[in-house]
């Protein structure tokens, strides 16, 4: 692995190691860590998803801080934030907006819905009906919405953070594959350690509401996204990445493996993870860290009872079976 890193350093000798915007990422993560104790690794994954221009699905039990994470992220990024509560009676117009007739003007006017924002939190998305869930498809894929034959572009940057409770089975509508595929990553917060929970309680009870400081703004977020797209991916690392995804299609427990879109998503997310780590090139370790959040919700197994744990086991099998590239610098 050290040979590979040395080879990348030689090939990128003339590129700056860290940009001014990239150098602010640790401060951004630190700000979020003040609000969500013990979740630094997950916070890095969420920030990387946003800088890759993707959407995030947070699937976890209630009370782990999913909603707090979304609101705090928008605050430190300096972006406009809106929240929608998923319920069975929520209509597509409640998300996108509706055209209303104004008698005084004798004209119709489109009233924009909460989707017209930078960071949209779709809380408990699996409580909304499939019809309402589908109202987000165009927004997530095309960064635009259509109403009454007119297309309206969404503000930039734009990304969705959706939460879902995987435990409840009554009054919920599971997301279909097409909807899941619109999410760049699926993440879990999980429970923190006992000491971290004590620290969390002290902060909430004794310090009260903590105001976070905006580190970025709209222009800097878009600039960071542009820099992420310029992170170098060598042919060897790209071949490794493609081979990993193709191997999922050949696994004996997989019914539907990684699609070409998943390969693109894995590449972009690996670039973002490299960016927040302060590098200008992608390493195999970036790919290894990125692959589970990217593929766990995209793989379909032929053994239903295994669920997400089965998908993660398949990913571990693939990582063990595909050789890691090992480049050497020629003398």
C-alpha atoms as a PDB file:
ATOM      1  CA  UNK A   1       0.000   0.000   0.000  1.00  0.00           C
ATOM      2  CA  UNK A   2       2.895   2.369   0.733  1.00  0.00           C
ATOM      3  CA  UNK A   3       4.247   1.772  -2.793  1.00  0.00           C
ATOM      4  CA  UNK A   4       0.912   2.827  -4.235  1.00  0.00           C
ATOM      5  CA  UNK A   5       0.835   5.998  -2.183  1.00  0.00           C
ATOM      6  CA  UNK A   6       4.402   6.840  -3.192  1.00  0.00           C
ATOM      7  CA  UNK A   7       3.527   6.352  -6.853  1.00  0.00           C
ATOM      8  CA  UNK A   8       0.561   8.733  -6.498  1.00  0.00           C
ATOM      9  CA  UNK A   9       2.773  11.329  -4.825  1.00  0.00           C
ATOM     10  CA  UNK A  10       5.231  11.223  -7.692  1.00  0.00           C
ATOM     11  CA  UNK A  11       2.526  11.530 -10.359  1.00  0.00           C
ATOM     12  CA  UNK A  12       0.845  14.451  -8.554  1.00  0.00           C
ATOM     13  CA  UNK A  13       3.965  16.301  -7.479  1.00  0.00           C
ATOM     14  CA  UNK A  14       2.918  19.567  -9.127  1.00  0.00           C
ATOM     15  CA  UNK A  15      -0.565  19.666  -7.574  1.00  0.00           C
ATOM     16  CA  UNK A  16      -1.290  21.493  -4.278  1.00  0.00           C
ATOM     17  CA  UNK A  17      -1.604  19.082  -1.347  1.00  0.00           C
ATOM     18  CA  UNK A  18      -4.449  20.917   0.357  1.00  0.00           C
ATOM     19  CA  UNK A  19      -6.638  23.764  -0.852  1.00  0.00           C
ATOM     20  CA  UNK A  20      -7.799  26.588   1.398  1.00  0.00           C
ATOM     21  CA  UNK A  21     -11.368  25.246   1.373  1.00  0.00           C
ATOM     22  CA  UNK A  22     -10.230  21.668   1.922  1.00  0.00           C
ATOM     23  CA  UNK A  23      -8.229  22.762   4.968  1.00  0.00           C
ATOM     24  CA  UNK A  24     -11.454  23.892   6.657  1.00  0.00           C
ATOM     25  CA  UNK A  25     -13.028  20.422   6.635  1.00  0.00           C
ATOM     26  CA  UNK A  26     -11.577  19.408  10.061  1.00  0.00           C
ATOM     27  CA  UNK A  27     -13.094  22.556  11.617  1.00  0.00           C
ATOM     28  CA  UNK A  28     -16.437  21.702  10.036  1.00  0.00           C
ATOM     29  CA  UNK A  29     -16.336  18.150  11.416  1.00  0.00           C
ATOM     30  CA  UNK A  30     -15.326  19.478  14.838  1.00  0.00           C
ATOM     31  CA  UNK A  31     -18.302  21.840  14.879  1.00  0.00           C
ATOM     32  CA  UNK A  32     -20.664  18.954  14.142  1.00  0.00           C
ATOM     33  CA  UNK A  33     -18.987  16.780  16.781  1.00  0.00           C
ATOM     34  CA  UNK A  34     -19.958  19.335  19.432  1.00  0.00           C
ATOM     35  CA  UNK A  35     -23.595  18.595  18.650  1.00  0.00           C
ATOM     36  CA  UNK A  36     -23.370  14.851  18.011  1.00  0.00           C
ATOM     37  CA  UNK A  37     -21.044  13.247  20.525  1.00  0.00           C
ATOM     38  CA  UNK A  38     -19.143  10.122  19.515  1.00  0.00           C
ATOM     39  CA  UNK A  39     -20.230  10.155  15.864  1.00  0.00           C
ATOM     40  CA  UNK A  40     -17.146  11.591  14.162  1.00  0.00           C
ATOM     41  CA  UNK A  41     -16.716   8.710  11.714  1.00  0.00           C
ATOM     42  CA  UNK A  42     -20.356   8.912  10.602  1.00  0.00           C
ATOM     43  CA  UNK A  43     -20.189  12.699  10.380  1.00  0.00           C
ATOM     44  CA  UNK A  44     -17.248  12.384   7.995  1.00  0.00           C
ATOM     45  CA  UNK A  45     -19.278  10.000   5.833  1.00  0.00           C
ATOM     46  CA  UNK A  46     -22.242  12.384   5.733  1.00  0.00           C
ATOM     47  CA  UNK A  47     -20.098  15.419   4.881  1.00  0.00           C
ATOM     48  CA  UNK A  48     -18.348  13.427   2.153  1.00  0.00           C
ATOM     49  CA  UNK A  49     -21.720  12.479   0.646  1.00  0.00           C
ATOM     50  CA  UNK A  50     -22.791  16.124   0.511  1.00  0.00           C
ATOM     51  CA  UNK A  51     -19.510  17.229  -1.059  1.00  0.00           C
ATOM     52  CA  UNK A  52     -19.904  14.448  -3.615  1.00  0.00           C
ATOM     53  CA  UNK A  53     -23.268  15.986  -4.523  1.00  0.00           C
ATOM     54  CA  UNK A  54     -25.260  13.004  -3.261  1.00  0.00           C
ATOM     55  CA  UNK A  55     -28.201  12.341  -0.987  1.00  0.00           C
ATOM     56  CA  UNK A  56     -28.130  10.506   2.344  1.00  0.00           C
ATOM     57  CA  UNK A  57     -30.531   7.949   3.820  1.00  0.00           C
ATOM     58  CA  UNK A  58     -30.184   7.653   7.609  1.00  0.00           C
ATOM     59  CA  UNK A  59     -31.828   4.417   8.671  1.00  0.00           C
ATOM     60  CA  UNK A  60     -31.769   3.861  12.422  1.00  0.00           C
ATOM     61  CA  UNK A  61     -33.912   3.569  15.523  1.00  0.00           C
ATOM     62  CA  UNK A  62     -35.503   6.725  17.018  1.00  0.00           C
ATOM     63  CA  UNK A  63     -33.498   8.955  19.317  1.00  0.00           C
ATOM     64  CA  UNK A  64     -30.038   8.474  17.803  1.00  0.00           C
ATOM     65  CA  UNK A  65     -29.741  12.032  16.481  1.00  0.00           C
ATOM     66  CA  UNK A  66     -30.722  11.713  12.814  1.00  0.00           C
ATOM     67  CA  UNK A  67     -32.813  14.889  12.695  1.00  0.00           C
ATOM     68  CA  UNK A  68     -30.244  16.802  14.756  1.00  0.00           C
ATOM     69  CA  UNK A  69     -27.520  15.753  12.340  1.00  0.00           C
ATOM     70  CA  UNK A  70     -29.402  17.085   9.302  1.00  0.00           C
ATOM     71  CA  UNK A  71     -30.204  20.450  10.892  1.00  0.00           C
ATOM     72  CA  UNK A  72     -26.680  20.847  12.283  1.00  0.00           C
ATOM     73  CA  UNK A  73     -25.090  20.016   8.939  1.00  0.00           C
ATOM     74  CA  UNK A  74     -27.093  22.726   7.182  1.00  0.00           C
ATOM     75  CA  UNK A  75     -26.081  25.180   9.903  1.00  0.00           C
ATOM     76  CA  UNK A  76     -22.324  24.603   9.666  1.00  0.00           C
ATOM     77  CA  UNK A  77     -22.472  24.585   5.856  1.00  0.00           C
ATOM     78  CA  UNK A  78     -24.299  27.916   5.921  1.00  0.00           C
ATOM     79  CA  UNK A  79     -27.149  26.560   3.798  1.00  0.00           C
ATOM     80  CA  UNK A  80     -30.909  27.069   3.829  1.00  0.00           C
ATOM     81  CA  UNK A  81     -32.725  24.216   5.588  1.00  0.00           C
ATOM     82  CA  UNK A  82     -36.291  22.895   5.375  1.00  0.00           C
ATOM     83  CA  UNK A  83     -37.926  19.905   7.038  1.00  0.00           C
ATOM     84  CA  UNK A  84     -40.833  17.732   5.906  1.00  0.00           C
ATOM     85  CA  UNK A  85     -42.484  15.239   8.244  1.00  0.00           C
ATOM     86  CA  UNK A  86     -43.432  12.068   6.413  1.00  0.00           C
ATOM     87  CA  UNK A  87     -47.040  11.032   7.134  1.00  0.00           C
ATOM     88  CA  UNK A  88     -49.553   8.879   5.220  1.00  0.00           C
ATOM     89  CA  UNK A  89     -51.676  11.942   4.368  1.00  0.00           C
ATOM     90  CA  UNK A  90     -48.748  13.936   2.951  1.00  0.00           C
ATOM     91  CA  UNK A  91     -49.410  14.860  -0.703  1.00  0.00           C
ATOM     92  CA  UNK A  92     -46.909  15.458  -3.546  1.00  0.00           C
ATOM     93  CA  UNK A  93     -48.037  19.104  -3.646  1.00  0.00           C
ATOM     94  CA  UNK A  94     -46.989  19.415   0.012  1.00  0.00           C
ATOM     95  CA  UNK A  95     -43.442  18.646  -1.132  1.00  0.00           C
ATOM     96  CA  UNK A  96     -43.152  20.220  -4.575  1.00  0.00           C
ATOM     97  CA  UNK A  97     -45.708  23.018  -4.379  1.00  0.00           C
ATOM     98  CA  UNK A  98     -48.926  23.800  -6.208  1.00  0.00           C
ATOM     99  CA  UNK A  99     -50.388  26.200  -8.747  1.00  0.00           C
ATOM    100  CA  UNK A 100     -53.004  28.453  -7.134  1.00  0.00           C
ATOM    101  CA  UNK A 101     -55.536  30.713  -8.832  1.00  0.00           C
ATOM    102  CA  UNK A 102     -55.632  34.315  -7.560  1.00  0.00           C
ATOM    103  CA  UNK A 103     -59.019  35.905  -8.382  1.00  0.00           C
ATOM    104  CA  UNK A 104     -57.785  39.437  -7.762  1.00  0.00           C
ATOM    105  CA  UNK A 105     -55.169  39.037 -10.514  1.00  0.00           C
ATOM    106  CA  UNK A 106     -57.232  36.618 -12.620  1.00  0.00           C
ATOM    107  CA  UNK A 107     -54.106  34.512 -12.971  1.00  0.00           C
ATOM    108  CA  UNK A 108     -52.459  31.323 -11.744  1.00  0.00           C
ATOM    109  CA  UNK A 109     -49.298  31.416  -9.644  1.00  0.00           C
ATOM    110  CA  UNK A 110     -47.020  28.568  -8.614  1.00  0.00           C
ATOM    111  CA  UNK A 111     -46.404  28.453  -4.858  1.00  0.00           C
ATOM    112  CA  UNK A 112     -43.118  26.718  -4.197  1.00  0.00           C
ATOM    113  CA  UNK A 113     -43.013  23.860  -1.707  1.00  0.00           C
ATOM    114  CA  UNK A 114     -40.344  23.074   0.891  1.00  0.00           C
ATOM    115  CA  UNK A 115     -38.275  21.187  -1.699  1.00  0.00           C
ATOM    116  CA  UNK A 116     -36.983  24.583  -2.850  1.00  0.00           C
ATOM    117  CA  UNK A 117     -34.097  24.734  -0.403  1.00  0.00           C
ATOM    118  CA  UNK A 118     -30.460  23.687  -0.100  1.00  0.00           C
ATOM    119  CA  UNK A 119     -30.778  20.960   2.526  1.00  0.00           C
ATOM    120  CA  UNK A 120     -34.093  19.114   2.665  1.00  0.00           C
ATOM    121  CA  UNK A 121     -34.768  16.813   5.604  1.00  0.00           C
ATOM    122  CA  UNK A 122     -37.414  14.238   4.740  1.00  0.00           C
ATOM    123  CA  UNK A 123     -38.126  12.913   8.218  1.00  0.00           C
ATOM    124  CA  UNK A 124     -39.503   9.353   8.361  1.00  0.00           C
ATOM    125  CA  UNK A 125     -39.671   9.080   4.594  1.00  0.00           C
ATOM    126  CA  UNK A 126     -41.073   5.553   4.812  1.00  0.00           C
ATOM    127  CA  UNK A 127     -44.240   6.913   6.462  1.00  0.00           C
ATOM    128  CA  UNK A 128     -45.096   8.852   3.304  1.00  0.00           C
ATOM    129  CA  UNK A 129     -47.052   7.036   0.595  1.00  0.00           C
ATOM    130  CA  UNK A 130     -45.258   5.812  -2.552  1.00  0.00           C
ATOM    131  CA  UNK A 131     -46.984   8.566  -4.525  1.00  0.00           C
ATOM    132  CA  UNK A 132     -45.478  11.236  -2.278  1.00  0.00           C
ATOM    133  CA  UNK A 133     -42.104   9.498  -2.178  1.00  0.00           C
ATOM    134  CA  UNK A 134     -42.026   9.583  -5.980  1.00  0.00           C
ATOM    135  CA  UNK A 135     -42.436  13.370  -5.897  1.00  0.00           C
ATOM    136  CA  UNK A 136     -38.817  13.495  -4.752  1.00  0.00           C
ATOM    137  CA  UNK A 137     -37.425  11.367  -7.583  1.00  0.00           C
ATOM    138  CA  UNK A 138     -37.046  14.153 -10.143  1.00  0.00           C
ATOM    139  CA  UNK A 139     -35.713  16.558  -7.517  1.00  0.00           C
ATOM    140  CA  UNK A 140     -33.064  14.095  -6.339  1.00  0.00           C
ATOM    141  CA  UNK A 141     -31.964  12.976  -9.794  1.00  0.00           C
ATOM    142  CA  UNK A 142     -32.291  16.136 -11.888  1.00  0.00           C
ATOM    143  CA  UNK A 143     -32.208  18.958  -9.291  1.00  0.00           C
ATOM    144  CA  UNK A 144     -35.490  20.237 -10.669  1.00  0.00           C
ATOM    145  CA  UNK A 145     -39.230  19.699 -10.265  1.00  0.00           C
ATOM    146  CA  UNK A 146     -42.111  19.805 -12.725  1.00  0.00           C
ATOM    147  CA  UNK A 147     -45.604  21.132 -12.047  1.00  0.00           C
ATOM    148  CA  UNK A 148     -48.384  21.699 -14.580  1.00  0.00           C
ATOM    149  CA  UNK A 149     -45.995  21.217 -17.473  1.00  0.00           C
ATOM    150  CA  UNK A 150     -43.460  23.764 -16.220  1.00  0.00           C
ATOM    151  CA  UNK A 151     -39.986  22.843 -14.979  1.00  0.00           C
ATOM    152  CA  UNK A 152     -38.497  24.745 -12.037  1.00  0.00           C
ATOM    153  CA  UNK A 153     -34.783  24.441 -11.172  1.00  0.00           C
ATOM    154  CA  UNK A 154     -33.897  23.907  -7.530  1.00  0.00           C
ATOM    155  CA  UNK A 155     -31.406  26.039  -5.605  1.00  0.00           C
ATOM    156  CA  UNK A 156     -27.793  24.925  -5.743  1.00  0.00           C
ATOM    157  CA  UNK A 157     -26.342  23.171  -3.904  1.00  0.00           C
ATOM    158  CA  UNK A 158     -29.226  20.811  -3.174  1.00  0.00           C
ATOM    159  CA  UNK A 159     -29.261  17.531  -1.331  1.00  0.00           C
ATOM    160  CA  UNK A 160     -31.773  15.433   0.569  1.00  0.00           C
ATOM    161  CA  UNK A 161     -31.217  13.828   3.949  1.00  0.00           C
ATOM    162  CA  UNK A 162     -33.975  11.308   4.624  1.00  0.00           C
ATOM    163  CA  UNK A 163     -34.540   9.356   7.840  1.00  0.00           C
ATOM    164  CA  UNK A 164     -36.254   6.014   8.217  1.00  0.00           C
ATOM    165  CA  UNK A 165     -37.088   3.777  11.164  1.00  0.00           C
ATOM    166  CA  UNK A 166     -36.285   0.177  10.175  1.00  0.00           C
ATOM    167  CA  UNK A 167     -38.004  -1.341  13.226  1.00  0.00           C
ATOM    168  CA  UNK A 168     -41.645  -0.380  12.675  1.00  0.00           C
ATOM    169  CA  UNK A 169     -43.667  -2.313  10.114  1.00  0.00           C
ATOM    170  CA  UNK A 170     -47.155  -0.810  10.532  1.00  0.00           C
ATOM    171  CA  UNK A 171     -48.112   2.370   8.710  1.00  0.00           C
ATOM    172  CA  UNK A 172     -44.887   2.449   6.690  1.00  0.00           C
ATOM    173  CA  UNK A 173     -44.165   2.086   2.974  1.00  0.00           C
ATOM    174  CA  UNK A 174     -40.772   0.520   2.170  1.00  0.00           C
ATOM    175  CA  UNK A 175     -38.749   2.414  -0.400  1.00  0.00           C
ATOM    176  CA  UNK A 176     -38.560   0.664  -3.793  1.00  0.00           C
ATOM    177  CA  UNK A 177     -35.234  -0.001  -5.504  1.00  0.00           C
ATOM    178  CA  UNK A 178     -35.586   3.019  -7.811  1.00  0.00           C
ATOM    179  CA  UNK A 179     -36.000   5.316  -4.805  1.00  0.00           C
ATOM    180  CA  UNK A 180     -33.148   3.736  -2.848  1.00  0.00           C
ATOM    181  CA  UNK A 181     -30.853   4.092  -5.833  1.00  0.00           C
ATOM    182  CA  UNK A 182     -31.299   7.881  -5.736  1.00  0.00           C
ATOM    183  CA  UNK A 183     -29.537   7.948  -2.363  1.00  0.00           C
ATOM    184  CA  UNK A 184     -25.776   8.034  -2.711  1.00  0.00           C
ATOM    185  CA  UNK A 185     -25.264   6.363   0.668  1.00  0.00           C
ATOM    186  CA  UNK A 186     -27.221   4.673   3.423  1.00  0.00           C
ATOM    187  CA  UNK A 187     -25.794   5.241   6.902  1.00  0.00           C
ATOM    188  CA  UNK A 188     -26.549   4.337  10.499  1.00  0.00           C
ATOM    189  CA  UNK A 189     -25.669   6.359  13.589  1.00  0.00           C
ATOM    190  CA  UNK A 190     -26.074   3.596  16.144  1.00  0.00           C
ATOM    191  CA  UNK A 191     -25.517   3.786  19.876  1.00  0.00           C
ATOM    192  CA  UNK A 192     -22.449   5.428  21.391  1.00  0.00           C
ATOM    193  CA  UNK A 193     -20.404   4.246  24.371  1.00  0.00           C
ATOM    194  CA  UNK A 194     -21.474   4.770  27.983  1.00  0.00           C
ATOM    195  CA  UNK A 195     -18.876   7.496  28.574  1.00  0.00           C
ATOM    196  CA  UNK A 196     -19.945   9.281  25.404  1.00  0.00           C
ATOM    197  CA  UNK A 197     -23.594   9.087  26.453  1.00  0.00           C
ATOM    198  CA  UNK A 198     -22.685  10.660  29.803  1.00  0.00           C
ATOM    199  CA  UNK A 199     -20.884  13.459  27.954  1.00  0.00           C
ATOM    200  CA  UNK A 200     -23.885  13.896  25.681  1.00  0.00           C
ATOM    201  CA  UNK A 201     -26.289  14.198  28.610  1.00  0.00           C
ATOM    202  CA  UNK A 202     -24.064  16.762  30.329  1.00  0.00           C
ATOM    203  CA  UNK A 203     -23.982  18.905  27.187  1.00  0.00           C
ATOM    204  CA  UNK A 204     -27.739  18.749  26.672  1.00  0.00           C
ATOM    205  CA  UNK A 205     -28.785  19.228  30.300  1.00  0.00           C
ATOM    206  CA  UNK A 206     -26.109  21.612  31.570  1.00  0.00           C
ATOM    207  CA  UNK A 207     -25.158  23.608  28.473  1.00  0.00           C
ATOM    208  CA  UNK A 208     -28.594  23.766  26.868  1.00  0.00           C
ATOM    209  CA  UNK A 209     -28.948  24.738  23.233  1.00  0.00           C
ATOM    210  CA  UNK A 210     -25.594  24.919  21.475  1.00  0.00           C
ATOM    211  CA  UNK A 211     -25.331  27.371  18.595  1.00  0.00           C
ATOM    212  CA  UNK A 212     -23.070  26.144  15.820  1.00  0.00           C
ATOM    213  CA  UNK A 213     -20.916  28.440  13.710  1.00  0.00           C
ATOM    214  CA  UNK A 214     -21.259  28.462   9.922  1.00  0.00           C
ATOM    215  CA  UNK A 215     -17.947  27.369   8.383  1.00  0.00           C
ATOM    216  CA  UNK A 216     -19.039  27.417   4.722  1.00  0.00           C
ATOM    217  CA  UNK A 217     -21.645  29.167   2.609  1.00  0.00           C
ATOM    218  CA  UNK A 218     -23.364  28.320  -0.695  1.00  0.00           C
ATOM    219  CA  UNK A 219     -20.428  29.451  -2.830  1.00  0.00           C
ATOM    220  CA  UNK A 220     -17.843  27.584  -0.777  1.00  0.00           C
ATOM    221  CA  UNK A 221     -19.883  24.393  -0.741  1.00  0.00           C
ATOM    222  CA  UNK A 222     -20.150  24.488  -4.529  1.00  0.00           C
ATOM    223  CA  UNK A 223     -16.437  25.247  -4.796  1.00  0.00           C
ATOM    224  CA  UNK A 224     -15.688  22.248  -2.569  1.00  0.00           C
ATOM    225  CA  UNK A 225     -17.893  20.046  -4.766  1.00  0.00           C
ATOM    226  CA  UNK A 226     -15.929  21.204  -7.810  1.00  0.00           C
ATOM    227  CA  UNK A 227     -12.656  20.370  -6.073  1.00  0.00           C
ATOM    228  CA  UNK A 228     -13.938  16.907  -5.176  1.00  0.00           C
ATOM    229  CA  UNK A 229     -14.645  16.208  -8.851  1.00  0.00           C
ATOM    230  CA  UNK A 230     -11.007  17.054  -9.605  1.00  0.00           C
ATOM    231  CA  UNK A 231      -9.575  14.544  -7.121  1.00  0.00           C
ATOM    232  CA  UNK A 232      -7.298  12.228  -9.106  1.00  0.00           C
ATOM    233  CA  UNK A 233      -8.239   8.563  -9.597  1.00  0.00           C
ATOM    234  CA  UNK A 234      -5.442   6.484 -11.088  1.00  0.00           C
ATOM    235  CA  UNK A 235      -6.171   3.738 -13.612  1.00  0.00           C
ATOM    236  CA  UNK A 236      -5.064   1.088 -11.111  1.00  0.00           C
ATOM    237  CA  UNK A 237      -7.446   2.315  -8.401  1.00  0.00           C
ATOM    238  CA  UNK A 238     -10.265   2.728 -10.921  1.00  0.00           C
ATOM    239  CA  UNK A 239      -9.732  -0.843 -12.155  1.00  0.00           C
ATOM    240  CA  UNK A 240      -9.812  -2.050  -8.541  1.00  0.00           C
ATOM    241  CA  UNK A 241     -13.045  -0.160  -7.941  1.00  0.00           C
ATOM    242  CA  UNK A 242     -14.696  -1.548 -11.080  1.00  0.00           C
ATOM    243  CA  UNK A 243     -13.576  -5.094 -10.292  1.00  0.00           C
ATOM    244  CA  UNK A 244     -15.099  -4.858  -6.810  1.00  0.00           C
ATOM    245  CA  UNK A 245     -18.470  -3.821  -8.210  1.00  0.00           C
ATOM    246  CA  UNK A 246     -18.416  -6.429 -10.960  1.00  0.00           C
ATOM    247  CA  UNK A 247     -17.579  -9.112  -8.398  1.00  0.00           C
ATOM    248  CA  UNK A 248     -20.868  -8.452  -6.591  1.00  0.00           C
ATOM    249  CA  UNK A 249     -22.752  -9.565  -9.714  1.00  0.00           C
ATOM    250  CA  UNK A 250     -20.997 -12.935  -9.637  1.00  0.00           C
ATOM    251  CA  UNK A 251     -21.506 -13.663  -5.926  1.00  0.00           C
ATOM    252  CA  UNK A 252     -23.632 -16.789  -5.410  1.00  0.00           C
ATOM    253  CA  UNK A 253     -25.931 -15.032  -2.894  1.00  0.00           C
ATOM    254  CA  UNK A 254     -26.593 -11.924  -4.984  1.00  0.00           C
ATOM    255  CA  UNK A 255     -29.677 -11.601  -7.150  1.00  0.00           C
ATOM    256  CA  UNK A 256     -28.981  -8.022  -8.277  1.00  0.00           C
ATOM    257  CA  UNK A 257     -25.427  -6.712  -8.062  1.00  0.00           C
ATOM    258  CA  UNK A 258     -23.871  -3.273  -8.416  1.00  0.00           C
ATOM    259  CA  UNK A 259     -25.117  -1.338 -11.449  1.00  0.00           C
ATOM    260  CA  UNK A 260     -23.000   0.964 -13.664  1.00  0.00           C
ATOM    261  CA  UNK A 261     -24.563   3.886 -11.752  1.00  0.00           C
ATOM    262  CA  UNK A 262     -23.291   2.342  -8.520  1.00  0.00           C
ATOM    263  CA  UNK A 263     -19.768   2.251  -9.981  1.00  0.00           C
ATOM    264  CA  UNK A 264     -19.970   5.969 -10.742  1.00  0.00           C
ATOM    265  CA  UNK A 265     -21.332   6.637  -7.253  1.00  0.00           C
ATOM    266  CA  UNK A 266     -18.511   4.650  -5.646  1.00  0.00           C
ATOM    267  CA  UNK A 267     -15.941   6.613  -7.640  1.00  0.00           C
ATOM    268  CA  UNK A 268     -17.424   9.979  -6.642  1.00  0.00           C
ATOM    269  CA  UNK A 269     -17.744   8.995  -3.001  1.00  0.00           C
ATOM    270  CA  UNK A 270     -14.164   7.707  -2.888  1.00  0.00           C
ATOM    271  CA  UNK A 271     -13.046  11.076  -4.263  1.00  0.00           C
ATOM    272  CA  UNK A 272     -14.989  12.868  -1.524  1.00  0.00           C
ATOM    273  CA  UNK A 273     -13.501  10.695   1.231  1.00  0.00           C
ATOM    274  CA  UNK A 274     -10.034  11.398  -0.121  1.00  0.00           C
ATOM    275  CA  UNK A 275     -10.862  15.120  -0.157  1.00  0.00           C
ATOM    276  CA  UNK A 276     -11.947  15.297   3.484  1.00  0.00           C
ATOM    277  CA  UNK A 277      -8.825  13.317   4.418  1.00  0.00           C
ATOM    278  CA  UNK A 278      -6.723  16.145   2.932  1.00  0.00           C
ATOM    279  CA  UNK A 279      -5.421  14.311  -0.128  1.00  0.00           C
ATOM    280  CA  UNK A 280      -5.591  15.051  -3.853  1.00  0.00           C
ATOM    281  CA  UNK A 281      -5.776  11.420  -5.005  1.00  0.00           C
ATOM    282  CA  UNK A 282      -7.867   8.338  -4.226  1.00  0.00           C
ATOM    283  CA  UNK A 283      -6.305   5.322  -2.514  1.00  0.00           C
ATOM    284  CA  UNK A 284      -7.652   1.757  -2.231  1.00  0.00           C
ATOM    285  CA  UNK A 285      -8.382   2.483   1.438  1.00  0.00           C
ATOM    286  CA  UNK A 286     -10.770   5.255   0.344  1.00  0.00           C
ATOM    287  CA  UNK A 287     -12.561   2.746  -1.875  1.00  0.00           C
ATOM    288  CA  UNK A 288     -12.762   0.223   0.964  1.00  0.00           C
ATOM    289  CA  UNK A 289     -14.293   2.804   3.280  1.00  0.00           C
ATOM    290  CA  UNK A 290     -16.754   3.972   0.632  1.00  0.00           C
ATOM    291  CA  UNK A 291     -18.004   0.651  -0.684  1.00  0.00           C
ATOM    292  CA  UNK A 292     -20.316  -0.422   2.155  1.00  0.00           C
ATOM    293  CA  UNK A 293     -22.311   2.856   2.431  1.00  0.00           C
ATOM    294  CA  UNK A 294     -22.601   2.879  -1.374  1.00  0.00           C
ATOM    295  CA  UNK A 295     -23.606  -0.743  -2.024  1.00  0.00           C
ATOM    296  CA  UNK A 296     -25.337  -2.035   1.122  1.00  0.00           C
ATOM    297  CA  UNK A 297     -28.735  -0.629   0.093  1.00  0.00           C
ATOM    298  CA  UNK A 298     -28.274  -1.394  -3.611  1.00  0.00           C
ATOM    299  CA  UNK A 299     -27.552  -5.124  -3.497  1.00  0.00           C
ATOM    300  CA  UNK A 300     -30.469  -7.552  -3.679  1.00  0.00           C
ATOM    301  CA  UNK A 301     -29.827 -11.004  -2.287  1.00  0.00           C
ATOM    302  CA  UNK A 302     -31.534 -14.269  -3.152  1.00  0.00           C
ATOM    303  CA  UNK A 303     -31.765 -15.016   0.587  1.00  0.00           C
ATOM    304  CA  UNK A 304     -34.261 -12.471   1.928  1.00  0.00           C
ATOM    305  CA  UNK A 305     -33.896 -13.237   5.618  1.00  0.00           C
ATOM    306  CA  UNK A 306     -30.265 -12.072   5.656  1.00  0.00           C
ATOM    307  CA  UNK A 307     -31.275  -8.405   5.093  1.00  0.00           C
ATOM    308  CA  UNK A 308     -28.665  -5.663   5.382  1.00  0.00           C
ATOM    309  CA  UNK A 309     -26.292  -7.919   7.312  1.00  0.00           C
ATOM    310  CA  UNK A 310     -26.247 -10.246   4.323  1.00  0.00           C
ATOM    311  CA  UNK A 311     -25.368  -7.399   1.957  1.00  0.00           C
ATOM    312  CA  UNK A 312     -22.546  -6.334   4.242  1.00  0.00           C
ATOM    313  CA  UNK A 313     -21.237  -9.899   4.367  1.00  0.00           C
ATOM    314  CA  UNK A 314     -21.266 -10.031   0.571  1.00  0.00           C
ATOM    315  CA  UNK A 315     -19.265  -6.802   0.476  1.00  0.00           C
ATOM    316  CA  UNK A 316     -16.738  -8.243   2.923  1.00  0.00           C
ATOM    317  CA  UNK A 317     -16.425 -11.369   0.763  1.00  0.00           C
ATOM    318  CA  UNK A 318     -15.823  -9.251  -2.325  1.00  0.00           C
ATOM    319  CA  UNK A 319     -13.169  -7.138  -0.566  1.00  0.00           C
ATOM    320  CA  UNK A 320     -11.334 -10.320   0.407  1.00  0.00           C
ATOM    321  CA  UNK A 321     -11.543 -11.879  -3.068  1.00  0.00           C
ATOM    322  CA  UNK A 322     -10.469  -8.923  -5.247  1.00  0.00           C
ATOM    323  CA  UNK A 323      -6.717  -8.202  -5.096  1.00  0.00           C
ATOM    324  CA  UNK A 324      -5.644  -4.717  -4.037  1.00  0.00           C
ATOM    325  CA  UNK A 325      -3.504  -2.881  -6.622  1.00  0.00           C
ATOM    326  CA  UNK A 326       0.154  -2.616  -5.744  1.00  0.00           C
ATOM    327  CA  UNK A 327       2.032  -0.158  -7.950  1.00  0.00           C
ATOM    328  CA  UNK A 328       5.757   0.463  -7.682  1.00  0.00           C
ATOM    329  CA  UNK A 329       7.694   3.530  -8.666  1.00  0.00           C
ATOM    330  CA  UNK A 330      10.125   2.811 -11.462  1.00  0.00           C
ATOM    331  CA  UNK A 331      13.691   3.862 -10.785  1.00  0.00           C
END
